[in-house]
Amino acid sequence: MPNLRRLTTERAAGIIVFLLIFAMSSRVSIDADMWWHLRLGEQTLETGQPVYADGLSHSRAGVVHWNHSWLAQALMFGLWRLAGHLGLTIYMSALATFGIFFLYRAGRGSIYTQAFALIFGAACAAAFWSPRPQMFTFCLSAILVSLLFDLKRRGRDRLIWLPLLLWFWGNCHGGYVFGFVLIGAFALGETLNNAFASGSAPVPMNKIWKLISIALLSLLILPLNPLGLVVIAVPFDTLGISGLREYIQEWQSPDLSQPYTWGFVILLLMLLGATLASRRRLDWTEAVFVAGAFCLALVSGRNLPLFAVATVPIATSRMDEALTRRGWSIQRSPRESPCRVIINLALIGLVAAGALLRLEYVSNENTVNAAVAHNWPIDAIRRLNARTDAGNLFNSYNWGGYLIFAARNNPVFIDGRTDLHRDLLADYVAALGGRAWRAVFEKWDIAIALIETNSGLAAQLEAATDWQLDYADDLASVYVRIQP
C-alpha cells in the first residue's frame, strides 16, 4: 500500500488521459493503402529484398520499385500475421499514444494544464492516423521535438540519440525528411534568439553547432539502407510527381469546413489564446515552428499531424505561464490517502476497461467484416478470382491496394503507390472522364474492368457493343471485353 499511495490524482489523471487517447486512436484497420503495405511487407520478409522489379501491377511490370517504407511494412505484416486486425489496430494506437506522450514531455505544466492541448492535438493529428508507415513519422517526429525542447528548456543534451533515430526513421518512411526540417527550424530559431537576445535562455551556440554536426552525421549514415543514396532523393522525388496534389485528396489543402479539420482549428485557436494570455511573444524558435507548421498544414492535409507535433508543446507552455501568472495552480501532493488511491484505481480501471472494449469492438471479426464489405468489392473480387482468362485489368484507384492483397493472380492497373505509377494517374483520370477510355484501354490492352457501378466509366462500358457485363452489385461491376 505505501507504493500505491504514490498514485496521486495527478498521476491517475495522466494515465486516464493517455488511455483516452489510445481509445481515440483505435479504429477499424481498413485504410485503402494498408493492404498494399501489408503485401509489400510480406514480400520483403519472404524474399529479404525490399527493392525489386514490380510484379504486382501489369502497368509497371518489371519497373524497379524503391520501397522506402520496407521496415515499417515488415513490422506491420509481422503484427498482421501474429494478431490480424487487432495487431494493426494496436500498432496504430500505440504509435499515436507514444507520440502524444512525448509531446507531453516536451511541454510544460501539470497534466491538468496540458490535457486539453494534448486531446485537441490528438484530434488534429488523428485526421491522418491510419495503419500505415506514416505513423512512424508522427511518433518519431514527436520524440525528436521532445529531445529538442529538452535541450531548449531544461538544458538536457540527448543529441547523441539523433543518428539512430533518423536512421531508423529513414528505413520506415520517407517522412524522415521532416526530422531534418525540424532540426533546421530549431537551429535557425535558436541562432536568431542568440543574435537578438530573444527568449529567456537561448540555447548556447556551441550546442547549436553540435546539433548541426550531428544532423550532418545522421545524413551521412542514412544511406546505410537497402535503397542506398536513393533514400535521400525519395522525399523530393515524391513531391515532384505530376498530379499528386491534383488527384490525391490527402495531398490537397485541408477543407476547413469538414469535421476532420476541426481539431486543427481548435488547436490553432488554443495556441493563439494561450499566447495572448501569457502576455509573452513567441521567441524565434517558437515562431519558426508555428509559422512553418501552419504553412505546411495549409498546403497539404497530410501535414496536420506535423502541425500538432510542432505546436502542442508551445501551446501547453503558454497555458502554464498564463495560469501561473494568475496564481491558478493546483498543489501537487507526493502521496494520497488510501481512500483517494482506491478512487484513482477505480477510475483508471473503468477507463481502461472502456479502452479495451473499444479495442475489441474495432478489431473483432464482425466489425471488420462489415467494414470490409462496405468499402471493398468482395463479391466482385470473388468473381474476378474465379476467372482464368481475365487478361489485363483496369481497376478503381481506391481498390488497387486491396486487390493487390486479395486478388493476387490479377495484377492491378493502378494502386496507391504513386511513387511507382506516377504519370499513370493522368491515364487513369482520362479513362474515367469520358470517351478517352477507349484510347487508354487500347494503350494498356485492357481486357477486364472492375469499377464502381455508379461511375461514368461503367455507363460507357454498358453502352459499348464490344464489352459485356460479367458481374454487378450496388458497389462494383465487372466488365469483360468481347473477343473478336
Foldseek 3Di string as FASTA:
>chain_A
DVVLQQCDPLVLLVLLLLLVLLLVQQFFADALQLQLLLVLLVVCVVPVASWFADDQFLQRGGPIDNRQQNVLSVVQNVLCVVPNRLSLRCVLSVLLSLLLVLLVLLADDGCVLQSVLSVLLSLLLSLPRHSALCSLVLNLLSNLSSQLSCCFPVVDHPLVCVLVSLLVNRSRDLSSVVSVVLLVLSLVLLVVCVVVVDDDDRRDVVVSVVSVVSVVVSVVCNLVYSSRPVSVCVVVLVVPFPCCQVPPQQQAFDDCVDPSNVSVVVSVVLQVVLCVLLVGDDGRSLVSLQVVLVVNNRRGVNSSSSNSSSRSNNSSRSSVSNCVVVVNDDDDDSGHDPVVSVVSVVVSVVSNVVSVVSSCQNRPPVNNVVVCVVQEVVVVLVVVLVDPPQPAEEEDQSNQSVCSNRVVVHRYNHYDPCSSCRVVVVLNVLLQPPPCVVVSCVVSVHFKYKYFCPGPNVVVQPPDPQKDWDDDDNGITMIGGHDD
